[in-house]
Amino acid sequence: MDLLPGQQAAIFHVSGSLMLSGKQRLNRAFQSEAMGFSDTTTGMHGRSVWTDEHGDKVFSELSGEGFGPSQLIEGKFTGGTGRYAGISGEYSFKWQRLGAIEGDELAGRVVGLQGSARLGAPKVVSPTAAGGSK
């Protein structure tokens, strides 16, 4: 959507396969889905879900200057399900467009993905004798 001269806003929804490398990777592959809002004035904000072959999920927040080619996007893990419950960490990447936009379809890929994750037990709140939380 065009706003004032030189200002644009857009919503996005992207999905695809995510392959990780390295000895200490979370998993070999995930199905990834991300959606968010990008504005040339305020930047990009979004959410992402990575799902492994067992259905366990990793959730993250995304932010950056925008969702355009070669712009740095940063992610922060906010939690997960199954073996990823209690996950924390950060990652970053750049988006690379592959080909022209056809209708509502955009082909692209992530480049320069790097970061770290820590798996940990989810926080458990234990009740007190009075029934409240400690």
C-alpha atoms as a PDB file:
ATOM      1  CA  MET A   1       0.000   0.000   0.000  1.00  0.00           C
ATOM      2  CA  ASP A   2       1.386   3.386  -0.954  1.00  0.00           C
ATOM      3  CA  LEU A   3       1.153   5.999   1.794  1.00  0.00           C
ATOM      4  CA  LEU A   4       2.781   9.426   1.703  1.00  0.00           C
ATOM      5  CA  PRO A   5       5.373   9.932  -1.043  1.00  0.00           C
ATOM      6  CA  GLY A   6       8.189   7.427  -0.458  1.00  0.00           C
ATOM      7  CA  GLN A   7       6.297   5.540   2.264  1.00  0.00           C
ATOM      8  CA  GLN A   8       4.824   2.075   1.864  1.00  0.00           C
ATOM      9  CA  ALA A   9       3.206  -0.504   4.128  1.00  0.00           C
ATOM     10  CA  ALA A  10       2.658  -4.202   3.477  1.00  0.00           C
ATOM     11  CA  ILE A  11       1.586  -7.400   5.165  1.00  0.00           C
ATOM     12  CA  PHE A  12       3.389 -10.646   4.378  1.00  0.00           C
ATOM     13  CA  HIS A  13       2.894 -14.361   4.827  1.00  0.00           C
ATOM     14  CA  VAL A  14       5.691 -16.697   3.713  1.00  0.00           C
ATOM     15  CA  SER A  15       6.204 -20.423   4.176  1.00  0.00           C
ATOM     16  CA  GLY A  16       8.638 -23.093   3.096  1.00  0.00           C
ATOM     17  CA  SER A  17      11.250 -25.607   4.153  1.00  0.00           C
ATOM     18  CA  LEU A  18      14.061 -24.650   6.519  1.00  0.00           C
ATOM     19  CA  MET A  19      17.218 -26.784   6.526  1.00  0.00           C
ATOM     20  CA  LEU A  20      19.817 -26.266   9.276  1.00  0.00           C
ATOM     21  CA  SER A  21      23.454 -27.356   9.264  1.00  0.00           C
ATOM     22  CA  GLY A  22      26.099 -27.791  11.923  1.00  0.00           C
ATOM     23  CA  LYS A  23      26.753 -30.331  14.652  1.00  0.00           C
ATOM     24  CA  GLN A  24      24.660 -28.615  17.311  1.00  0.00           C
ATOM     25  CA  ARG A  25      21.585 -27.729  15.247  1.00  0.00           C
ATOM     26  CA  LEU A  26      18.118 -27.955  16.783  1.00  0.00           C
ATOM     27  CA  ASN A  27      16.954 -30.363  14.107  1.00  0.00           C
ATOM     28  CA  ARG A  28      17.844 -31.093  10.507  1.00  0.00           C
ATOM     29  CA  ALA A  29      14.689 -29.647   8.934  1.00  0.00           C
ATOM     30  CA  PHE A  30      11.573 -27.669   9.758  1.00  0.00           C
ATOM     31  CA  GLN A  31       8.525 -26.473   7.917  1.00  0.00           C
ATOM     32  CA  SER A  32       8.609 -22.711   8.485  1.00  0.00           C
ATOM     33  CA  GLU A  33       5.844 -20.129   8.365  1.00  0.00           C
ATOM     34  CA  ALA A  34       6.130 -16.393   9.029  1.00  0.00           C
ATOM     35  CA  MET A  35       3.713 -13.505   8.877  1.00  0.00           C
ATOM     36  CA  GLY A  36       3.974  -9.859   9.732  1.00  0.00           C
ATOM     37  CA  PHE A  37       3.727  -6.211   8.860  1.00  0.00           C
ATOM     38  CA  SER A  38       6.355  -4.038   7.210  1.00  0.00           C
ATOM     39  CA  ASP A  39       6.281  -0.237   7.030  1.00  0.00           C
ATOM     40  CA  THR A  40       8.999   1.995   5.577  1.00  0.00           C
ATOM     41  CA  THR A  41       8.589   4.345   8.567  1.00  0.00           C
ATOM     42  CA  THR A  42       8.407   1.955  11.539  1.00  0.00           C
ATOM     43  CA  GLY A  43      10.134  -1.172  10.201  1.00  0.00           C
ATOM     44  CA  MET A  44       9.093  -4.803  10.127  1.00  0.00           C
ATOM     45  CA  HIS A  45       7.475  -6.830  12.920  1.00  0.00           C
ATOM     46  CA  GLY A  46       6.326 -10.418  12.638  1.00  0.00           C
ATOM     47  CA  ARG A  47       6.030 -13.891  14.093  1.00  0.00           C
ATOM     48  CA  SER A  48       7.394 -17.225  12.930  1.00  0.00           C
ATOM     49  CA  VAL A  49       6.634 -20.879  13.649  1.00  0.00           C
ATOM     50  CA  TRP A  50       9.020 -23.713  12.799  1.00  0.00           C
ATOM     51  CA  THR A  51       7.465 -27.215  12.898  1.00  0.00           C
ATOM     52  CA  ASP A  52       9.594 -30.393  12.922  1.00  0.00           C
ATOM     53  CA  GLU A  53       8.669 -33.832  11.561  1.00  0.00           C
ATOM     54  CA  HIS A  54       7.126 -34.814  14.931  1.00  0.00           C
ATOM     55  CA  GLY A  55       4.866 -31.742  15.081  1.00  0.00           C
ATOM     56  CA  ASP A  56       6.944 -30.014  17.793  1.00  0.00           C
ATOM     57  CA  LYS A  57       7.072 -26.249  17.259  1.00  0.00           C
ATOM     58  CA  VAL A  58       9.513 -23.371  17.803  1.00  0.00           C
ATOM     59  CA  PHE A  59       8.024 -19.857  18.095  1.00  0.00           C
ATOM     60  CA  SER A  60       9.836 -16.582  17.465  1.00  0.00           C
ATOM     61  CA  GLU A  61       9.376 -12.842  17.064  1.00  0.00           C
ATOM     62  CA  LEU A  62      10.840 -11.135  13.996  1.00  0.00           C
ATOM     63  CA  SER A  63      11.981  -7.534  13.594  1.00  0.00           C
ATOM     64  CA  GLY A  64      14.012  -5.456  11.182  1.00  0.00           C
ATOM     65  CA  GLU A  65      14.140  -2.344   9.063  1.00  0.00           C
ATOM     66  CA  GLY A  66      11.832  -3.975   6.523  1.00  0.00           C
ATOM     67  CA  PHE A  67      11.021  -7.128   4.606  1.00  0.00           C
ATOM     68  CA  GLY A  68      12.846  -6.162   1.437  1.00  0.00           C
ATOM     69  CA  PRO A  69      15.762  -7.781  -0.363  1.00  0.00           C
ATOM     70  CA  SER A  70      19.071  -7.760   1.537  1.00  0.00           C
ATOM     71  CA  GLN A  71      17.596  -6.213   4.696  1.00  0.00           C
ATOM     72  CA  LEU A  72      18.696  -7.777   7.979  1.00  0.00           C
ATOM     73  CA  ILE A  73      15.904  -9.560   9.861  1.00  0.00           C
ATOM     74  CA  GLU A  74      16.434 -10.564  13.485  1.00  0.00           C
ATOM     75  CA  GLY A  75      14.559 -13.291  15.312  1.00  0.00           C
ATOM     76  CA  LYS A  76      14.149 -14.011  19.009  1.00  0.00           C
ATOM     77  CA  PHE A  77      12.939 -17.432  20.149  1.00  0.00           C
ATOM     78  CA  THR A  78       9.957 -17.018  22.476  1.00  0.00           C
ATOM     79  CA  GLY A  79       9.097 -20.634  23.293  1.00  0.00           C
ATOM     80  CA  GLY A  80       8.093 -23.943  21.855  1.00  0.00           C
ATOM     81  CA  THR A  81       6.251 -27.206  22.285  1.00  0.00           C
ATOM     82  CA  GLY A  82       7.501 -30.748  22.943  1.00  0.00           C
ATOM     83  CA  ARG A  83      11.276 -30.975  22.959  1.00  0.00           C
ATOM     84  CA  TYR A  84      11.514 -27.211  22.254  1.00  0.00           C
ATOM     85  CA  ALA A  85       9.552 -26.120  25.347  1.00  0.00           C
ATOM     86  CA  GLY A  86      11.590 -23.475  27.164  1.00  0.00           C
ATOM     87  CA  ILE A  87      13.769 -22.627  24.139  1.00  0.00           C
ATOM     88  CA  SER A  88      15.539 -19.260  24.098  1.00  0.00           C
ATOM     89  CA  GLY A  89      18.021 -17.600  21.788  1.00  0.00           C
ATOM     90  CA  GLU A  90      18.415 -15.339  18.790  1.00  0.00           C
ATOM     91  CA  TYR A  91      19.038 -15.577  15.065  1.00  0.00           C
ATOM     92  CA  SER A  92      19.370 -13.322  12.025  1.00  0.00           C
ATOM     93  CA  PHE A  93      19.196 -13.613   8.253  1.00  0.00           C
ATOM     94  CA  LYS A  94      18.623 -11.680   5.059  1.00  0.00           C
ATOM     95  CA  TRP A  95      15.834 -12.265   2.564  1.00  0.00           C
ATOM     96  CA  GLN A  96      16.779 -12.785  -1.088  1.00  0.00           C
ATOM     97  CA  ARG A  97      14.114 -12.455  -3.761  1.00  0.00           C
ATOM     98  CA  LEU A  98      14.196 -15.063  -6.532  1.00  0.00           C
ATOM     99  CA  GLY A  99      12.518 -13.808  -9.667  1.00  0.00           C
ATOM    100  CA  ALA A 100       9.706 -11.336 -10.224  1.00  0.00           C
ATOM    101  CA  ILE A 101       6.515 -11.041  -8.182  1.00  0.00           C
ATOM    102  CA  GLU A 102       3.665 -12.784 -10.005  1.00  0.00           C
ATOM    103  CA  GLY A 103       0.256 -11.703  -8.691  1.00  0.00           C
ATOM    104  CA  ASP A 104       0.440 -12.256  -4.930  1.00  0.00           C
ATOM    105  CA  GLU A 105       3.271 -14.822  -5.217  1.00  0.00           C
ATOM    106  CA  LEU A 106       6.848 -14.019  -4.238  1.00  0.00           C
ATOM    107  CA  ALA A 107       9.657 -16.550  -4.506  1.00  0.00           C
ATOM    108  CA  GLY A 108      12.660 -16.092  -2.264  1.00  0.00           C
ATOM    109  CA  ARG A 109      15.052 -17.651   0.173  1.00  0.00           C
ATOM    110  CA  VAL A 110      16.838 -16.953   3.430  1.00  0.00           C
ATOM    111  CA  VAL A 111      20.576 -16.258   3.198  1.00  0.00           C
ATOM    112  CA  GLY A 112      23.183 -15.919   5.924  1.00  0.00           C
ATOM    113  CA  LEU A 113      21.103 -17.562   8.639  1.00  0.00           C
ATOM    114  CA  GLN A 114      23.065 -17.567  11.887  1.00  0.00           C
ATOM    115  CA  GLY A 115      22.315 -17.610  15.585  1.00  0.00           C
ATOM    116  CA  SER A 116      22.086 -19.734  18.675  1.00  0.00           C
ATOM    117  CA  ALA A 117      19.420 -21.486  20.697  1.00  0.00           C
ATOM    118  CA  ARG A 118      19.315 -22.877  24.201  1.00  0.00           C
ATOM    119  CA  LEU A 119      16.978 -25.694  25.075  1.00  0.00           C
ATOM    120  CA  GLY A 120      15.755 -25.638  28.626  1.00  0.00           C
ATOM    121  CA  ALA A 121      12.968 -26.849  30.809  1.00  0.00           C
ATOM    122  CA  PRO A 122       9.896 -24.628  30.783  1.00  0.00           C
ATOM    123  CA  LYS A 123       9.368 -22.539  33.903  1.00  0.00           C
ATOM    124  CA  VAL A 124       7.066 -24.284  36.338  1.00  0.00           C
ATOM    125  CA  VAL A 125       5.222 -22.296  38.966  1.00  0.00           C
ATOM    126  CA  SER A 126       4.619 -24.326  42.110  1.00  0.00           C
ATOM    127  CA  PRO A 127       1.664 -23.559  44.367  1.00  0.00           C
ATOM    128  CA  THR A 128       2.097 -22.345  47.945  1.00  0.00           C
ATOM    129  CA  ALA A 129       0.204 -23.746  50.906  1.00  0.00           C
ATOM    130  CA  ALA A 130      -2.297 -20.901  50.515  1.00  0.00           C
ATOM    131  CA  GLY A 131      -2.951 -21.870  46.881  1.00  0.00           C
ATOM    132  CA  GLY A 132      -1.095 -18.951  45.273  1.00  0.00           C
ATOM    133  CA  SER A 133       2.112 -19.119  43.322  1.00  0.00           C
ATOM    134  CA  LYS A 134       5.579 -18.931  44.898  1.00  0.00           C
END
